Amino acid sequence: MPDPDLVTQALARNLKRLRTERGHTLDALAARAGVSRGMIVQIEQARTNPSVATVVRLADALGASIARLLDYDESAAVRIVTADQAVPLWTGPAGGSGTLLSGVEAPGPLELWAWHLEPGEGYASEAHPAGTVEIVRVESGELTLSHGDRDRVVPAGSTASFEASQAHGYRNDGAVPVRLTMVVSVPPPR
């Protein structure tokens, strides 16, 4: 796991740089992202460790991937993210996790995630921008995918894809851990 201070500093630097490049004031970004101006100031000054939801909102408002916001080495033409450099962004109460493995901007943000949900754990996601698509491949266990007002069971070896512009979630209602890989594709900013 990367040094948390390194990730916090990268987030501070990249958020400020992307906000400036896109011509957003603090107030404009706050309004677009639904995040307080004070929170953005704290993040840009590396004085806080924001929630995953806050980082997602900021990335969506900037038209950038979470990976780009957290990237602490943007200098390489080929970027290899070793297992110890992957950034865990969610930890469940029973020990599950959601880890951002990699991400690119092509033409909009594209992210690759590894998720591990212990029995009884779940993660609820807010709606993403219109046009966002998620693809989930269940490696082991049985995932309960909530989308809209329906739950769908996705067994091991199966893949689900869906438009993620409405609230959705992932749960492990079973007795064994669920491991899955997820790809999130966000459309480029307009």
C-alpha atoms as a PDB file:
ATOM      1  CA  MET A   1       0.000   0.000   0.000  1.00  0.00           C
ATOM      2  CA  PRO A   2       1.411   3.421  -0.892  1.00  0.00           C
ATOM      3  CA  ASP A   3       2.335   5.852   1.866  1.00  0.00           C
ATOM      4  CA  PRO A   4      -0.917   7.656   2.832  1.00  0.00           C
ATOM      5  CA  ASP A   5       0.950  10.978   3.024  1.00  0.00           C
ATOM      6  CA  LEU A   6       2.153  10.461  -0.561  1.00  0.00           C
ATOM      7  CA  VAL A   7      -1.437   9.867  -1.718  1.00  0.00           C
ATOM      8  CA  THR A   8      -2.714  12.911   0.221  1.00  0.00           C
ATOM      9  CA  GLN A   9      -0.004  15.122  -1.303  1.00  0.00           C
ATOM     10  CA  ALA A  10      -0.733  13.778  -4.797  1.00  0.00           C
ATOM     11  CA  LEU A  11      -4.458  14.441  -4.371  1.00  0.00           C
ATOM     12  CA  ALA A  12      -3.743  17.997  -3.171  1.00  0.00           C
ATOM     13  CA  ARG A  13      -1.394  18.732  -6.074  1.00  0.00           C
ATOM     14  CA  ASN A  14      -3.510  17.101  -8.783  1.00  0.00           C
ATOM     15  CA  LEU A  15      -6.816  18.595  -7.613  1.00  0.00           C
ATOM     16  CA  LYS A  16      -5.394  22.109  -7.620  1.00  0.00           C
ATOM     17  CA  ARG A  17      -3.666  21.593 -10.983  1.00  0.00           C
ATOM     18  CA  LEU A  18      -6.750  20.139 -12.696  1.00  0.00           C
ATOM     19  CA  ARG A  19      -9.046  22.772 -11.192  1.00  0.00           C
ATOM     20  CA  THR A  20      -6.734  25.528 -12.435  1.00  0.00           C
ATOM     21  CA  GLU A  21      -6.252  23.935 -15.897  1.00  0.00           C
ATOM     22  CA  ARG A  22     -10.021  23.753 -16.340  1.00  0.00           C
ATOM     23  CA  GLY A  23     -10.480  27.352 -15.202  1.00  0.00           C
ATOM     24  CA  HIS A  24     -12.620  26.573 -12.158  1.00  0.00           C
ATOM     25  CA  THR A  25     -12.585  28.795  -9.106  1.00  0.00           C
ATOM     26  CA  LEU A  26     -12.965  27.127  -5.730  1.00  0.00           C
ATOM     27  CA  ASP A  27     -16.597  28.233  -5.655  1.00  0.00           C
ATOM     28  CA  ALA A  28     -17.284  26.961  -9.189  1.00  0.00           C
ATOM     29  CA  LEU A  29     -15.803  23.533  -8.468  1.00  0.00           C
ATOM     30  CA  ALA A  30     -17.673  23.366  -5.166  1.00  0.00           C
ATOM     31  CA  ALA A  31     -20.958  24.038  -6.967  1.00  0.00           C
ATOM     32  CA  ARG A  32     -20.238  21.528  -9.768  1.00  0.00           C
ATOM     33  CA  ALA A  33     -19.146  18.788  -7.364  1.00  0.00           C
ATOM     34  CA  GLY A  34     -21.576  19.374  -4.520  1.00  0.00           C
ATOM     35  CA  VAL A  35     -18.605  19.604  -2.151  1.00  0.00           C
ATOM     36  CA  SER A  36     -18.067  22.545   0.179  1.00  0.00           C
ATOM     37  CA  ARG A  37     -15.489  25.184  -0.724  1.00  0.00           C
ATOM     38  CA  GLY A  38     -13.873  24.623   2.686  1.00  0.00           C
ATOM     39  CA  MET A  39     -13.439  20.903   1.987  1.00  0.00           C
ATOM     40  CA  ILE A  40     -11.768  21.644  -1.364  1.00  0.00           C
ATOM     41  CA  VAL A  41      -9.401  24.116   0.330  1.00  0.00           C
ATOM     42  CA  GLN A  42      -8.509  21.488   2.955  1.00  0.00           C
ATOM     43  CA  ILE A  43      -7.885  18.868   0.265  1.00  0.00           C
ATOM     44  CA  GLU A  44      -5.742  21.224  -1.841  1.00  0.00           C
ATOM     45  CA  GLN A  45      -3.698  22.030   1.260  1.00  0.00           C
ATOM     46  CA  ALA A  46      -3.323  18.295   2.085  1.00  0.00           C
ATOM     47  CA  ARG A  47      -4.959  18.821   5.475  1.00  0.00           C
ATOM     48  CA  THR A  48      -7.665  16.161   5.174  1.00  0.00           C
ATOM     49  CA  ASN A  49      -8.312  12.639   3.943  1.00  0.00           C
ATOM     50  CA  PRO A  50     -11.664  12.942   2.108  1.00  0.00           C
ATOM     51  CA  SER A  51     -14.193  10.159   1.714  1.00  0.00           C
ATOM     52  CA  VAL A  52     -14.361   8.090  -1.462  1.00  0.00           C
ATOM     53  CA  ALA A  53     -17.677   9.786  -2.309  1.00  0.00           C
ATOM     54  CA  THR A  54     -16.033  13.225  -2.105  1.00  0.00           C
ATOM     55  CA  VAL A  55     -13.142  12.165  -4.351  1.00  0.00           C
ATOM     56  CA  VAL A  56     -15.624  10.653  -6.842  1.00  0.00           C
ATOM     57  CA  ARG A  57     -17.678  13.871  -6.913  1.00  0.00           C
ATOM     58  CA  LEU A  58     -14.558  15.991  -7.497  1.00  0.00           C
ATOM     59  CA  ALA A  59     -13.263  13.656 -10.222  1.00  0.00           C
ATOM     60  CA  ASP A  60     -16.668  13.661 -11.959  1.00  0.00           C
ATOM     61  CA  ALA A  61     -16.896  17.470 -11.770  1.00  0.00           C
ATOM     62  CA  LEU A  62     -13.415  17.788 -13.278  1.00  0.00           C
ATOM     63  CA  GLY A  63     -13.991  15.094 -15.932  1.00  0.00           C
ATOM     64  CA  ALA A  64     -11.020  13.161 -14.567  1.00  0.00           C
ATOM     65  CA  SER A  65     -10.557   9.662 -13.227  1.00  0.00           C
ATOM     66  CA  ILE A  66      -9.963   9.005  -9.562  1.00  0.00           C
ATOM     67  CA  ALA A  67      -6.676   7.437 -10.635  1.00  0.00           C
ATOM     68  CA  ARG A  68      -5.587  10.742 -12.162  1.00  0.00           C
ATOM     69  CA  LEU A  69      -6.445  12.644  -8.987  1.00  0.00           C
ATOM     70  CA  LEU A  70      -4.417  10.187  -6.891  1.00  0.00           C
ATOM     71  CA  ASP A  71      -1.528   9.690  -9.354  1.00  0.00           C
ATOM     72  CA  TYR A  72       1.781  10.424  -7.676  1.00  0.00           C
ATOM     73  CA  ASP A  73       3.894   9.550 -10.747  1.00  0.00           C
ATOM     74  CA  GLU A  74       2.549  11.113 -13.956  1.00  0.00           C
ATOM     75  CA  SER A  75       5.965  11.285 -15.616  1.00  0.00           C
ATOM     76  CA  ALA A  76       6.173   7.794 -17.115  1.00  0.00           C
ATOM     77  CA  ALA A  77       4.985   6.986 -20.665  1.00  0.00           C
ATOM     78  CA  VAL A  78       4.181   3.454 -19.475  1.00  0.00           C
ATOM     79  CA  ARG A  79       2.891   3.259 -15.949  1.00  0.00           C
ATOM     80  CA  ILE A  80       3.058  -0.002 -14.042  1.00  0.00           C
ATOM     81  CA  VAL A  81       1.140  -0.083 -10.791  1.00  0.00           C
ATOM     82  CA  THR A  82       2.498  -2.825  -8.570  1.00  0.00           C
ATOM     83  CA  ALA A  83       0.261  -4.476  -5.983  1.00  0.00           C
ATOM     84  CA  ASP A  84       1.773  -2.399  -3.170  1.00  0.00           C
ATOM     85  CA  GLN A  85       1.076   0.842  -5.096  1.00  0.00           C
ATOM     86  CA  ALA A  86      -2.638   0.186  -5.673  1.00  0.00           C
ATOM     87  CA  VAL A  87      -4.769   2.576  -3.613  1.00  0.00           C
ATOM     88  CA  PRO A  88      -7.421   1.076  -1.326  1.00  0.00           C
ATOM     89  CA  LEU A  89     -10.273   3.592  -1.256  1.00  0.00           C
ATOM     90  CA  TRP A  90     -12.946   1.675   0.657  1.00  0.00           C
ATOM     91  CA  THR A  91     -12.673  -0.622   3.647  1.00  0.00           C
ATOM     92  CA  GLY A  92     -15.667  -2.491   4.979  1.00  0.00           C
ATOM     93  CA  PRO A  93     -16.371  -3.107   8.641  1.00  0.00           C
ATOM     94  CA  ALA A  94     -15.673  -6.844   8.292  1.00  0.00           C
ATOM     95  CA  GLY A  95     -12.439  -6.421   6.331  1.00  0.00           C
ATOM     96  CA  GLY A  96     -13.625  -6.067   2.720  1.00  0.00           C
ATOM     97  CA  SER A  97     -12.042  -3.512   0.416  1.00  0.00           C
ATOM     98  CA  GLY A  98     -12.321  -1.604  -2.855  1.00  0.00           C
ATOM     99  CA  THR A  99      -8.935  -0.903  -4.447  1.00  0.00           C
ATOM    100  CA  LEU A 100      -8.270   1.333  -7.435  1.00  0.00           C
ATOM    101  CA  LEU A 101      -5.831  -0.674  -9.555  1.00  0.00           C
ATOM    102  CA  SER A 102      -5.274   1.763 -12.416  1.00  0.00           C
ATOM    103  CA  GLY A 103      -6.971   4.383 -14.528  1.00  0.00           C
ATOM    104  CA  VAL A 104      -6.487   6.354 -17.736  1.00  0.00           C
ATOM    105  CA  GLU A 105      -8.079   9.252 -19.589  1.00  0.00           C
ATOM    106  CA  ALA A 106      -9.139   7.707 -22.905  1.00  0.00           C
ATOM    107  CA  PRO A 107     -11.091   9.755 -24.098  1.00  0.00           C
ATOM    108  CA  GLY A 108     -12.840  10.081 -20.748  1.00  0.00           C
ATOM    109  CA  PRO A 109     -11.758   8.574 -17.430  1.00  0.00           C
ATOM    110  CA  LEU A 110     -11.428   4.782 -17.429  1.00  0.00           C
ATOM    111  CA  GLU A 111     -10.768   3.007 -14.133  1.00  0.00           C
ATOM    112  CA  LEU A 112      -9.926  -0.578 -13.149  1.00  0.00           C
ATOM    113  CA  TRP A 113     -10.884  -1.706  -9.644  1.00  0.00           C
ATOM    114  CA  ALA A 114     -10.459  -4.809  -7.476  1.00  0.00           C
ATOM    115  CA  TRP A 115     -13.157  -5.329  -4.856  1.00  0.00           C
ATOM    116  CA  HIS A 116     -13.339  -7.736  -1.937  1.00  0.00           C
ATOM    117  CA  LEU A 117     -16.559  -7.925   0.084  1.00  0.00           C
ATOM    118  CA  GLU A 118     -16.771 -10.031   3.212  1.00  0.00           C
ATOM    119  CA  PRO A 119     -20.110 -11.685   4.087  1.00  0.00           C
ATOM    120  CA  GLY A 120     -22.629  -9.032   5.119  1.00  0.00           C
ATOM    121  CA  GLU A 121     -20.670  -6.102   3.650  1.00  0.00           C
ATOM    122  CA  GLY A 122     -21.945  -3.731   1.014  1.00  0.00           C
ATOM    123  CA  TYR A 123     -21.089  -0.491  -0.721  1.00  0.00           C
ATOM    124  CA  ALA A 124     -23.694   2.011  -1.954  1.00  0.00           C
ATOM    125  CA  SER A 125     -22.643   4.334  -4.785  1.00  0.00           C
ATOM    126  CA  GLU A 126     -24.214   7.616  -5.740  1.00  0.00           C
ATOM    127  CA  ALA A 127     -25.250   8.128  -9.357  1.00  0.00           C
ATOM    128  CA  HIS A 128     -22.394   8.956 -11.734  1.00  0.00           C
ATOM    129  CA  PRO A 129     -22.633  11.398 -14.678  1.00  0.00           C
ATOM    130  CA  ALA A 130     -24.922  10.401 -17.560  1.00  0.00           C
ATOM    131  CA  GLY A 131     -23.145   8.036 -19.929  1.00  0.00           C
ATOM    132  CA  THR A 132     -21.034   6.368 -17.224  1.00  0.00           C
ATOM    133  CA  VAL A 133     -20.839   2.599 -17.644  1.00  0.00           C
ATOM    134  CA  GLU A 134     -19.639  -0.010 -15.157  1.00  0.00           C
ATOM    135  CA  ILE A 135     -18.602  -3.575 -15.965  1.00  0.00           C
ATOM    136  CA  VAL A 136     -18.318  -6.007 -13.064  1.00  0.00           C
ATOM    137  CA  ARG A 137     -16.683  -9.460 -13.309  1.00  0.00           C
ATOM    138  CA  VAL A 138     -17.304 -11.669 -10.262  1.00  0.00           C
ATOM    139  CA  GLU A 139     -14.285 -13.908  -9.647  1.00  0.00           C
ATOM    140  CA  SER A 140     -15.545 -15.707  -6.526  1.00  0.00           C
ATOM    141  CA  GLY A 141     -18.607 -15.718  -4.324  1.00  0.00           C
ATOM    142  CA  GLU A 142     -21.980 -14.338  -5.316  1.00  0.00           C
ATOM    143  CA  LEU A 143     -22.532 -10.589  -5.697  1.00  0.00           C
ATOM    144  CA  THR A 144     -25.858  -8.875  -5.139  1.00  0.00           C
ATOM    145  CA  LEU A 145     -25.962  -5.894  -7.509  1.00  0.00           C
ATOM    146  CA  SER A 146     -28.501  -3.189  -6.670  1.00  0.00           C
ATOM    147  CA  HIS A 147     -29.481  -1.001  -9.599  1.00  0.00           C
ATOM    148  CA  GLY A 148     -32.530   1.197  -9.479  1.00  0.00           C
ATOM    149  CA  ASP A 149     -35.203  -0.592  -7.486  1.00  0.00           C
ATOM    150  CA  ARG A 150     -33.995  -4.115  -8.324  1.00  0.00           C
ATOM    151  CA  ASP A 151     -31.404  -6.460  -6.890  1.00  0.00           C
ATOM    152  CA  ARG A 152     -29.702  -8.898  -9.232  1.00  0.00           C
ATOM    153  CA  VAL A 153     -27.537 -11.853  -8.233  1.00  0.00           C
ATOM    154  CA  VAL A 154     -24.271 -12.124 -10.153  1.00  0.00           C
ATOM    155  CA  PRO A 155     -22.607 -15.525  -9.528  1.00  0.00           C
ATOM    156  CA  ALA A 156     -18.886 -16.281  -9.785  1.00  0.00           C
ATOM    157  CA  GLY A 157     -17.686 -16.401 -13.366  1.00  0.00           C
ATOM    158  CA  SER A 158     -20.351 -13.937 -14.518  1.00  0.00           C
ATOM    159  CA  THR A 159     -20.044 -10.382 -15.789  1.00  0.00           C
ATOM    160  CA  ALA A 160     -22.597  -7.591 -15.436  1.00  0.00           C
ATOM    161  CA  SER A 161     -22.563  -4.241 -17.223  1.00  0.00           C
ATOM    162  CA  PHE A 162     -24.848  -1.285 -16.661  1.00  0.00           C
ATOM    163  CA  GLU A 163     -25.417   2.436 -17.032  1.00  0.00           C
ATOM    164  CA  ALA A 164     -24.281   3.921 -13.713  1.00  0.00           C
ATOM    165  CA  SER A 165     -26.132   7.247 -13.877  1.00  0.00           C
ATOM    166  CA  GLN A 166     -28.440   6.163 -11.064  1.00  0.00           C
ATOM    167  CA  ALA A 167     -27.669   5.062  -7.530  1.00  0.00           C
ATOM    168  CA  HIS A 168     -26.372   1.500  -7.368  1.00  0.00           C
ATOM    169  CA  GLY A 169     -24.612  -0.779  -4.928  1.00  0.00           C
ATOM    170  CA  TYR A 170     -22.731  -3.984  -4.297  1.00  0.00           C
ATOM    171  CA  ARG A 171     -23.503  -6.426  -1.480  1.00  0.00           C
ATOM    172  CA  ASN A 172     -22.338  -9.779  -0.288  1.00  0.00           C
ATOM    173  CA  ASP A 173     -25.443 -11.478   1.069  1.00  0.00           C
ATOM    174  CA  GLY A 174     -23.698 -14.861   1.035  1.00  0.00           C
ATOM    175  CA  ALA A 175     -21.539 -16.790   3.481  1.00  0.00           C
ATOM    176  CA  VAL A 176     -18.208 -16.592   1.585  1.00  0.00           C
ATOM    177  CA  PRO A 177     -16.137 -13.594   0.460  1.00  0.00           C
ATOM    178  CA  VAL A 178     -16.900 -12.000  -2.917  1.00  0.00           C
ATOM    179  CA  ARG A 179     -14.011 -10.936  -5.139  1.00  0.00           C
ATOM    180  CA  LEU A 180     -14.672  -8.944  -8.274  1.00  0.00           C
ATOM    181  CA  THR A 181     -12.972  -6.760 -10.847  1.00  0.00           C
ATOM    182  CA  MET A 182     -14.714  -3.618 -12.052  1.00  0.00           C
ATOM    183  CA  VAL A 183     -14.149  -1.232 -14.942  1.00  0.00           C
ATOM    184  CA  VAL A 184     -15.719   2.245 -14.782  1.00  0.00           C
ATOM    185  CA  SER A 185     -15.908   4.338 -17.950  1.00  0.00           C
ATOM    186  CA  VAL A 186     -16.888   7.993 -17.493  1.00  0.00           C
ATOM    187  CA  PRO A 187     -17.683  10.109 -20.560  1.00  0.00           C
ATOM    188  CA  PRO A 188     -15.317  13.010 -21.318  1.00  0.00           C
ATOM    189  CA  PRO A 189     -16.323  16.421 -19.981  1.00  0.00           C
ATOM    190  CA  ARG A 190     -18.513  18.485 -22.292  1.00  0.00           C
END
